[in-house]
Amino acid sequence: MESQNILIMFGHNIQKIRKEQGLSQEKLAELANLHRTYIGMIERGEKNITLLNIEKLAKALNTEMCNLLKF
C-alpha cells in the first residue's frame, strides 16, 4: 500500500466518523485540542500525524484508535 493512500484512507475515516457524529471540523479540533486547519489537512491526507494526535482524535470522537486505522 502506498504511503499517500494510507494518509488518504486515514483522513477519510476521520471525516466519516466526524460527520456521523454531526461534528464540524472546528468542533472536533476544539475537542481534540488541535487547530481547525490541521483537521482539514488530516482529512485531505496532507498530514502524516503522530500517534499522540491519533490518540487525541480518537478520544475526541469517543472511539478506539483502531477504528481510525481501519483500511
PDB file of N, CA and C in Angstrom:
ATOM      1  N   MET A   1       0.850  -1.181   0.000  1.00  0.00           N
ATOM      2  CA  MET A   1       0.000   0.000   0.000  1.00  0.00           C
ATOM      3  C   MET A   1       0.891   1.238   0.000  1.00  0.00           C
ATOM      4  N   GLU A   2       0.602   2.158  -0.861  1.00  0.00           N
ATOM      5  CA  GLU A   2       1.392   3.377  -0.981  1.00  0.00           C
ATOM      6  C   GLU A   2       1.138   4.293   0.219  1.00  0.00           C
ATOM      7  N   SER A   3       2.186   4.970   0.690  1.00  0.00           N
ATOM      8  CA  SER A   3       2.088   5.836   1.864  1.00  0.00           C
ATOM      9  C   SER A   3       1.005   6.886   1.721  1.00  0.00           C
ATOM     10  N   GLN A   4       0.930   7.531   0.565  1.00  0.00           N
ATOM     11  CA  GLN A   4      -0.078   8.578   0.374  1.00  0.00           C
ATOM     12  C   GLN A   4      -1.485   8.010   0.496  1.00  0.00           C
ATOM     13  N   ASN A   5      -1.699   6.776   0.007  1.00  0.00           N
ATOM     14  CA  ASN A   5      -3.017   6.148   0.116  1.00  0.00           C
ATOM     15  C   ASN A   5      -3.405   5.917   1.566  1.00  0.00           C
ATOM     16  N   ILE A   6      -2.446   5.578   2.407  1.00  0.00           N
ATOM     17  CA  ILE A   6      -2.710   5.360   3.825  1.00  0.00           C
ATOM     18  C   ILE A   6      -3.196   6.656   4.463  1.00  0.00           C
ATOM     19  N   LEU A   7      -2.548   7.768   4.127  1.00  0.00           N
ATOM     20  CA  LEU A   7      -2.943   9.066   4.678  1.00  0.00           C
ATOM     21  C   LEU A   7      -4.347   9.443   4.224  1.00  0.00           C
ATOM     22  N   ILE A   8      -4.660   9.176   2.974  1.00  0.00           N
ATOM     23  CA  ILE A   8      -5.989   9.498   2.446  1.00  0.00           C
ATOM     24  C   ILE A   8      -7.052   8.632   3.118  1.00  0.00           C
ATOM     25  N   MET A   9      -6.785   7.347   3.278  1.00  0.00           N
ATOM     26  CA  MET A   9      -7.751   6.459   3.923  1.00  0.00           C
ATOM     27  C   MET A   9      -7.947   6.828   5.386  1.00  0.00           C
ATOM     28  N   PHE A  10      -6.853   7.176   6.076  1.00  0.00           N
ATOM     29  CA  PHE A  10      -6.966   7.601   7.467  1.00  0.00           C
ATOM     30  C   PHE A  10      -7.823   8.859   7.555  1.00  0.00           C
ATOM     31  N   GLY A  11      -7.548   9.823   6.686  1.00  0.00           N
ATOM     32  CA  GLY A  11      -8.319  11.067   6.671  1.00  0.00           C
ATOM     33  C   GLY A  11      -9.791  10.821   6.393  1.00  0.00           C
ATOM     34  N   HIS A  12     -10.064   9.886   5.485  1.00  0.00           N
ATOM     35  CA  HIS A  12     -11.454   9.539   5.184  1.00  0.00           C
ATOM     36  C   HIS A  12     -12.143   8.960   6.417  1.00  0.00           C
ATOM     37  N   ASN A  13     -11.445   8.114   7.162  1.00  0.00           N
ATOM     38  CA  ASN A  13     -12.012   7.544   8.391  1.00  0.00           C
ATOM     39  C   ASN A  13     -12.348   8.637   9.397  1.00  0.00           C
ATOM     40  N   ILE A  14     -11.444   9.591   9.565  1.00  0.00           N
ATOM     41  CA  ILE A  14     -11.688  10.703  10.495  1.00  0.00           C
ATOM     42  C   ILE A  14     -12.934  11.469  10.052  1.00  0.00           C
ATOM     43  N   GLN A  15     -12.968  11.822   8.779  1.00  0.00           N
ATOM     44  CA  GLN A  15     -14.089  12.605   8.259  1.00  0.00           C
ATOM     45  C   GLN A  15     -15.411  11.858   8.395  1.00  0.00           C
ATOM     46  N   LYS A  16     -15.411  10.574   8.077  1.00  0.00           N
ATOM     47  CA  LYS A  16     -16.628   9.760   8.153  1.00  0.00           C
ATOM     48  C   LYS A  16     -17.170   9.718   9.580  1.00  0.00           C
ATOM     49  N   ILE A  17     -16.311   9.426  10.538  1.00  0.00           N
ATOM     50  CA  ILE A  17     -16.747   9.335  11.937  1.00  0.00           C
ATOM     51  C   ILE A  17     -17.184  10.707  12.439  1.00  0.00           C
ATOM     52  N   ARG A  18     -16.447  11.743  12.070  1.00  0.00           N
ATOM     53  CA  ARG A  18     -16.796  13.110  12.488  1.00  0.00           C
ATOM     54  C   ARG A  18     -18.187  13.477  11.982  1.00  0.00           C
ATOM     55  N   LYS A  19     -18.456  13.209  10.710  1.00  0.00           N
ATOM     56  CA  LYS A  19     -19.756  13.547  10.126  1.00  0.00           C
ATOM     57  C   LYS A  19     -20.878  12.706  10.720  1.00  0.00           C
ATOM     58  N   GLU A  20     -20.604  11.426  10.989  1.00  0.00           N
ATOM     59  CA  GLU A  20     -21.608  10.562  11.621  1.00  0.00           C
ATOM     60  C   GLU A  20     -22.023  11.116  12.980  1.00  0.00           C
ATOM     61  N   GLN A  21     -21.092  11.782  13.647  1.00  0.00           N
ATOM     62  CA  GLN A  21     -21.374  12.351  14.964  1.00  0.00           C
ATOM     63  C   GLN A  21     -21.874  13.790  14.888  1.00  0.00           C
ATOM     64  N   GLY A  22     -22.014  14.305  13.673  1.00  0.00           N
ATOM     65  CA  GLY A  22     -22.538  15.649  13.494  1.00  0.00           C
ATOM     66  C   GLY A  22     -21.597  16.747  13.959  1.00  0.00           C
ATOM     67  N   LEU A  23     -20.292  16.473  13.906  1.00  0.00           N
ATOM     68  CA  LEU A  23     -19.300  17.448  14.354  1.00  0.00           C
ATOM     69  C   LEU A  23     -18.716  18.210  13.174  1.00  0.00           C
ATOM     70  N   SER A  24     -18.488  19.486  13.364  1.00  0.00           N
ATOM     71  CA  SER A  24     -17.750  20.272  12.378  1.00  0.00           C
ATOM     72  C   SER A  24     -16.261  20.031  12.600  1.00  0.00           C
ATOM     73  N   GLN A  25     -15.473  20.404  11.615  1.00  0.00           N
ATOM     74  CA  GLN A  25     -14.020  20.324  11.801  1.00  0.00           C
ATOM     75  C   GLN A  25     -13.598  21.198  12.974  1.00  0.00           C
ATOM     76  N   GLU A  26     -14.217  22.343  13.100  1.00  0.00           N
ATOM     77  CA  GLU A  26     -13.882  23.269  14.188  1.00  0.00           C
ATOM     78  C   GLU A  26     -14.179  22.653  15.552  1.00  0.00           C
ATOM     79  N   LYS A  27     -15.335  22.002  15.686  1.00  0.00           N
ATOM     80  CA  LYS A  27     -15.702  21.389  16.966  1.00  0.00           C
ATOM     81  C   LYS A  27     -14.774  20.221  17.284  1.00  0.00           C
ATOM     82  N   LEU A  28     -14.456  19.397  16.279  1.00  0.00           N
ATOM     83  CA  LEU A  28     -13.523  18.291  16.505  1.00  0.00           C
ATOM     84  C   LEU A  28     -12.169  18.826  16.945  1.00  0.00           C
ATOM     85  N   ALA A  29     -11.712  19.870  16.294  1.00  0.00           N
ATOM     86  CA  ALA A  29     -10.429  20.472  16.657  1.00  0.00           C
ATOM     87  C   ALA A  29     -10.448  20.947  18.103  1.00  0.00           C
ATOM     88  N   GLU A  30     -11.539  21.565  18.494  1.00  0.00           N
ATOM     89  CA  GLU A  30     -11.677  22.039  19.877  1.00  0.00           C
ATOM     90  C   GLU A  30     -11.634  20.872  20.861  1.00  0.00           C
ATOM     91  N   LEU A  31     -12.385  19.817  20.569  1.00  0.00           N
ATOM     92  CA  LEU A  31     -12.438  18.651  21.451  1.00  0.00           C
ATOM     93  C   LEU A  31     -11.083  17.938  21.556  1.00  0.00           C
ATOM     94  N   ALA A  32     -10.331  17.944  20.456  1.00  0.00           N
ATOM     95  CA  ALA A  32      -9.044  17.244  20.415  1.00  0.00           C
ATOM     96  C   ALA A  32      -7.875  18.162  20.779  1.00  0.00           C
ATOM     97  N   ASN A  33      -8.169  19.430  21.013  1.00  0.00           N
ATOM     98  CA  ASN A  33      -7.127  20.421  21.319  1.00  0.00           C
ATOM     99  C   ASN A  33      -6.107  20.518  20.178  1.00  0.00           C
ATOM    100  N   LEU A  34      -6.645  20.585  18.943  1.00  0.00           N
ATOM    101  CA  LEU A  34      -5.836  20.738  17.738  1.00  0.00           C
ATOM    102  C   LEU A  34      -6.391  21.914  16.942  1.00  0.00           C
ATOM    103  N   HIS A  35      -5.655  22.398  15.965  1.00  0.00           N
ATOM    104  CA  HIS A  35      -6.104  23.526  15.157  1.00  0.00           C
ATOM    105  C   HIS A  35      -7.062  23.052  14.063  1.00  0.00           C
ATOM    106  N   ARG A  36      -8.080  23.861  13.752  1.00  0.00           N
ATOM    107  CA  ARG A  36      -9.087  23.505  12.760  1.00  0.00           C
ATOM    108  C   ARG A  36      -8.469  23.225  11.397  1.00  0.00           C
ATOM    109  N   THR A  37      -7.509  24.028  10.981  1.00  0.00           N
ATOM    110  CA  THR A  37      -6.901  23.796   9.668  1.00  0.00           C
ATOM    111  C   THR A  37      -6.114  22.485   9.637  1.00  0.00           C
ATOM    112  N   TYR A  38      -5.593  22.084  10.785  1.00  0.00           N
ATOM    113  CA  TYR A  38      -4.874  20.813  10.892  1.00  0.00           C
ATOM    114  C   TYR A  38      -5.838  19.645  10.643  1.00  0.00           C
ATOM    115  N   ILE A  39      -7.060  19.750  11.168  1.00  0.00           N
ATOM    116  CA  ILE A  39      -8.067  18.706  10.950  1.00  0.00           C
ATOM    117  C   ILE A  39      -8.357  18.573   9.460  1.00  0.00           C
ATOM    118  N   GLY A  40      -8.524  19.698   8.773  1.00  0.00           N
ATOM    119  CA  GLY A  40      -8.767  19.675   7.328  1.00  0.00           C
ATOM    120  C   GLY A  40      -7.629  19.024   6.572  1.00  0.00           C
ATOM    121  N   MET A  41      -6.415  19.333   6.965  1.00  0.00           N
ATOM    122  CA  MET A  41      -5.246  18.750   6.304  1.00  0.00           C
ATOM    123  C   MET A  41      -5.184  17.235   6.528  1.00  0.00           C
ATOM    124  N   ILE A  42      -5.552  16.793   7.717  1.00  0.00           N
ATOM    125  CA  ILE A  42      -5.591  15.357   8.009  1.00  0.00           C
ATOM    126  C   ILE A  42      -6.644  14.687   7.134  1.00  0.00           C
ATOM    127  N   GLU A  43      -7.832  15.276   7.085  1.00  0.00           N
ATOM    128  CA  GLU A  43      -8.926  14.682   6.313  1.00  0.00           C
ATOM    129  C   GLU A  43      -8.617  14.617   4.824  1.00  0.00           C
ATOM    130  N   ARG A  44      -7.810  15.530   4.331  1.00  0.00           N
ATOM    131  CA  ARG A  44      -7.430  15.518   2.913  1.00  0.00           C
ATOM    132  C   ARG A  44      -6.202  14.650   2.650  1.00  0.00           C
ATOM    133  N   GLY A  45      -5.634  14.049   3.693  1.00  0.00           N
ATOM    134  CA  GLY A  45      -4.466  13.188   3.531  1.00  0.00           C
ATOM    135  C   GLY A  45      -3.179  13.955   3.326  1.00  0.00           C
ATOM    136  N   GLU A  46      -3.148  15.196   3.774  1.00  0.00           N
ATOM    137  CA  GLU A  46      -1.966  16.042   3.584  1.00  0.00           C
ATOM    138  C   GLU A  46      -0.998  15.993   4.759  1.00  0.00           C
ATOM    139  N   LYS A  47      -1.401  15.402   5.868  1.00  0.00           N
ATOM    140  CA  LYS A  47      -0.548  15.352   7.063  1.00  0.00           C
ATOM    141  C   LYS A  47      -0.342  13.914   7.516  1.00  0.00           C
ATOM    142  N   ASN A  48       0.889  13.610   7.856  1.00  0.00           N
ATOM    143  CA  ASN A  48       1.240  12.326   8.450  1.00  0.00           C
ATOM    144  C   ASN A  48       1.352  12.596   9.949  1.00  0.00           C
ATOM    145  N   ILE A  49       0.290  12.296  10.692  1.00  0.00           N
ATOM    146  CA  ILE A  49       0.231  12.733  12.083  1.00  0.00           C
ATOM    147  C   ILE A  49       0.859  11.715  13.031  1.00  0.00           C
ATOM    148  N   THR A  50       1.143  12.172  14.245  1.00  0.00           N
ATOM    149  CA  THR A  50       1.774  11.336  15.258  1.00  0.00           C
ATOM    150  C   THR A  50       0.740  10.464  15.973  1.00  0.00           C
ATOM    151  N   LEU A  51       1.229   9.448  16.629  1.00  0.00           N
ATOM    152  CA  LEU A  51       0.355   8.598  17.435  1.00  0.00           C
ATOM    153  C   LEU A  51      -0.316   9.394  18.545  1.00  0.00           C
ATOM    154  N   LEU A  52       0.362  10.385  19.087  1.00  0.00           N
ATOM    155  CA  LEU A  52      -0.228  11.216  20.141  1.00  0.00           C
ATOM    156  C   LEU A  52      -1.458  11.954  19.620  1.00  0.00           C
ATOM    157  N   ASN A  53      -1.381  12.462  18.392  1.00  0.00           N
ATOM    158  CA  ASN A  53      -2.527  13.169  17.833  1.00  0.00           C
ATOM    159  C   ASN A  53      -3.629  12.205  17.392  1.00  0.00           C
ATOM    160  N   ILE A  54      -3.255  11.007  16.983  1.00  0.00           N
ATOM    161  CA  ILE A  54      -4.272   9.991  16.678  1.00  0.00           C
ATOM    162  C   ILE A  54      -5.042   9.672  17.955  1.00  0.00           C
ATOM    163  N   GLU A  55      -4.332   9.563  19.062  1.00  0.00           N
ATOM    164  CA  GLU A  55      -4.991   9.306  20.350  1.00  0.00           C
ATOM    165  C   GLU A  55      -5.933  10.448  20.723  1.00  0.00           C
ATOM    166  N   LYS A  56      -5.510  11.687  20.513  1.00  0.00           N
ATOM    167  CA  LYS A  56      -6.364  12.848  20.809  1.00  0.00           C
ATOM    168  C   LYS A  56      -7.636  12.802  19.978  1.00  0.00           C
ATOM    169  N   LEU A  57      -7.498  12.489  18.696  1.00  0.00           N
ATOM    170  CA  LEU A  57      -8.664  12.421  17.817  1.00  0.00           C
ATOM    171  C   LEU A  57      -9.600  11.286  18.230  1.00  0.00           C
ATOM    172  N   ALA A  58      -9.046  10.141  18.563  1.00  0.00           N
ATOM    173  CA  ALA A  58      -9.870   9.007  18.993  1.00  0.00           C
ATOM    174  C   ALA A  58     -10.668   9.367  20.238  1.00  0.00           C
ATOM    175  N   LYS A  59     -10.014  10.004  21.192  1.00  0.00           N
ATOM    176  CA  LYS A  59     -10.724  10.414  22.417  1.00  0.00           C
ATOM    177  C   LYS A  59     -11.807  11.438  22.100  1.00  0.00           C
ATOM    178  N   ALA A  60     -11.494  12.398  21.253  1.00  0.00           N
ATOM    179  CA  ALA A  60     -12.471  13.432  20.891  1.00  0.00           C
ATOM    180  C   ALA A  60     -13.669  12.839  20.159  1.00  0.00           C
ATOM    181  N   LEU A  61     -13.439  11.773  19.400  1.00  0.00           N
ATOM    182  CA  LEU A  61     -14.508  11.109  18.645  1.00  0.00           C
ATOM    183  C   LEU A  61     -15.146   9.961  19.434  1.00  0.00           C
ATOM    184  N   ASN A  62     -14.713   9.756  20.665  1.00  0.00           N
ATOM    185  CA  ASN A  62     -15.231   8.681  21.518  1.00  0.00           C
ATOM    186  C   ASN A  62     -15.168   7.328  20.823  1.00  0.00           C
ATOM    187  N   THR A  63     -13.994   7.037  20.263  1.00  0.00           N
ATOM    188  CA  THR A  63     -13.800   5.768  19.573  1.00  0.00           C
ATOM    189  C   THR A  63     -12.401   5.242  19.894  1.00  0.00           C
ATOM    190  N   GLU A  64     -12.162   4.009  19.537  1.00  0.00           N
ATOM    191  CA  GLU A  64     -10.845   3.412  19.728  1.00  0.00           C
ATOM    192  C   GLU A  64      -9.924   3.831  18.587  1.00  0.00           C
ATOM    193  N   MET A  65      -8.649   3.927  18.871  1.00  0.00           N
ATOM    194  CA  MET A  65      -7.680   4.290  17.847  1.00  0.00           C
ATOM    195  C   MET A  65      -7.747   3.341  16.653  1.00  0.00           C
ATOM    196  N   CYS A  66      -7.972   2.068  16.916  1.00  0.00           N
ATOM    197  CA  CYS A  66      -8.010   1.079  15.824  1.00  0.00           C
ATOM    198  C   CYS A  66      -9.118   1.387  14.824  1.00  0.00           C
ATOM    199  N   ASN A  67     -10.204   2.035  15.260  1.00  0.00           N
ATOM    200  CA  ASN A  67     -11.277   2.388  14.332  1.00  0.00           C
ATOM    201  C   ASN A  67     -10.861   3.474  13.346  1.00  0.00           C
ATOM    202  N   LEU A  68      -9.883   4.272  13.724  1.00  0.00           N
ATOM    203  CA  LEU A  68      -9.381   5.309  12.839  1.00  0.00           C
ATOM    204  C   LEU A  68      -8.394   4.744  11.840  1.00  0.00           C
ATOM    205  N   LEU A  69      -7.858   3.559  12.139  1.00  0.00           N
ATOM    206  CA  LEU A  69      -6.815   2.965  11.319  1.00  0.00           C
ATOM    207  C   LEU A  69      -7.310   1.813  10.451  1.00  0.00           C
ATOM    208  N   LYS A  70      -8.612   1.634  10.346  1.00  0.00           N
ATOM    209  CA  LYS A  70      -9.160   0.541   9.533  1.00  0.00           C
ATOM    210  C   LYS A  70      -9.031   0.892   8.066  1.00  0.00           C
ATOM    211  N   PHE A  71      -8.443  -0.029   7.317  1.00  0.00           N
ATOM    212  CA  PHE A  71      -8.259   0.179   5.890  1.00  0.00           C
ATOM    213  C   PHE A  71      -8.909  -0.971   5.187  1.00  0.00           C
TER     214      PHE A  71
END
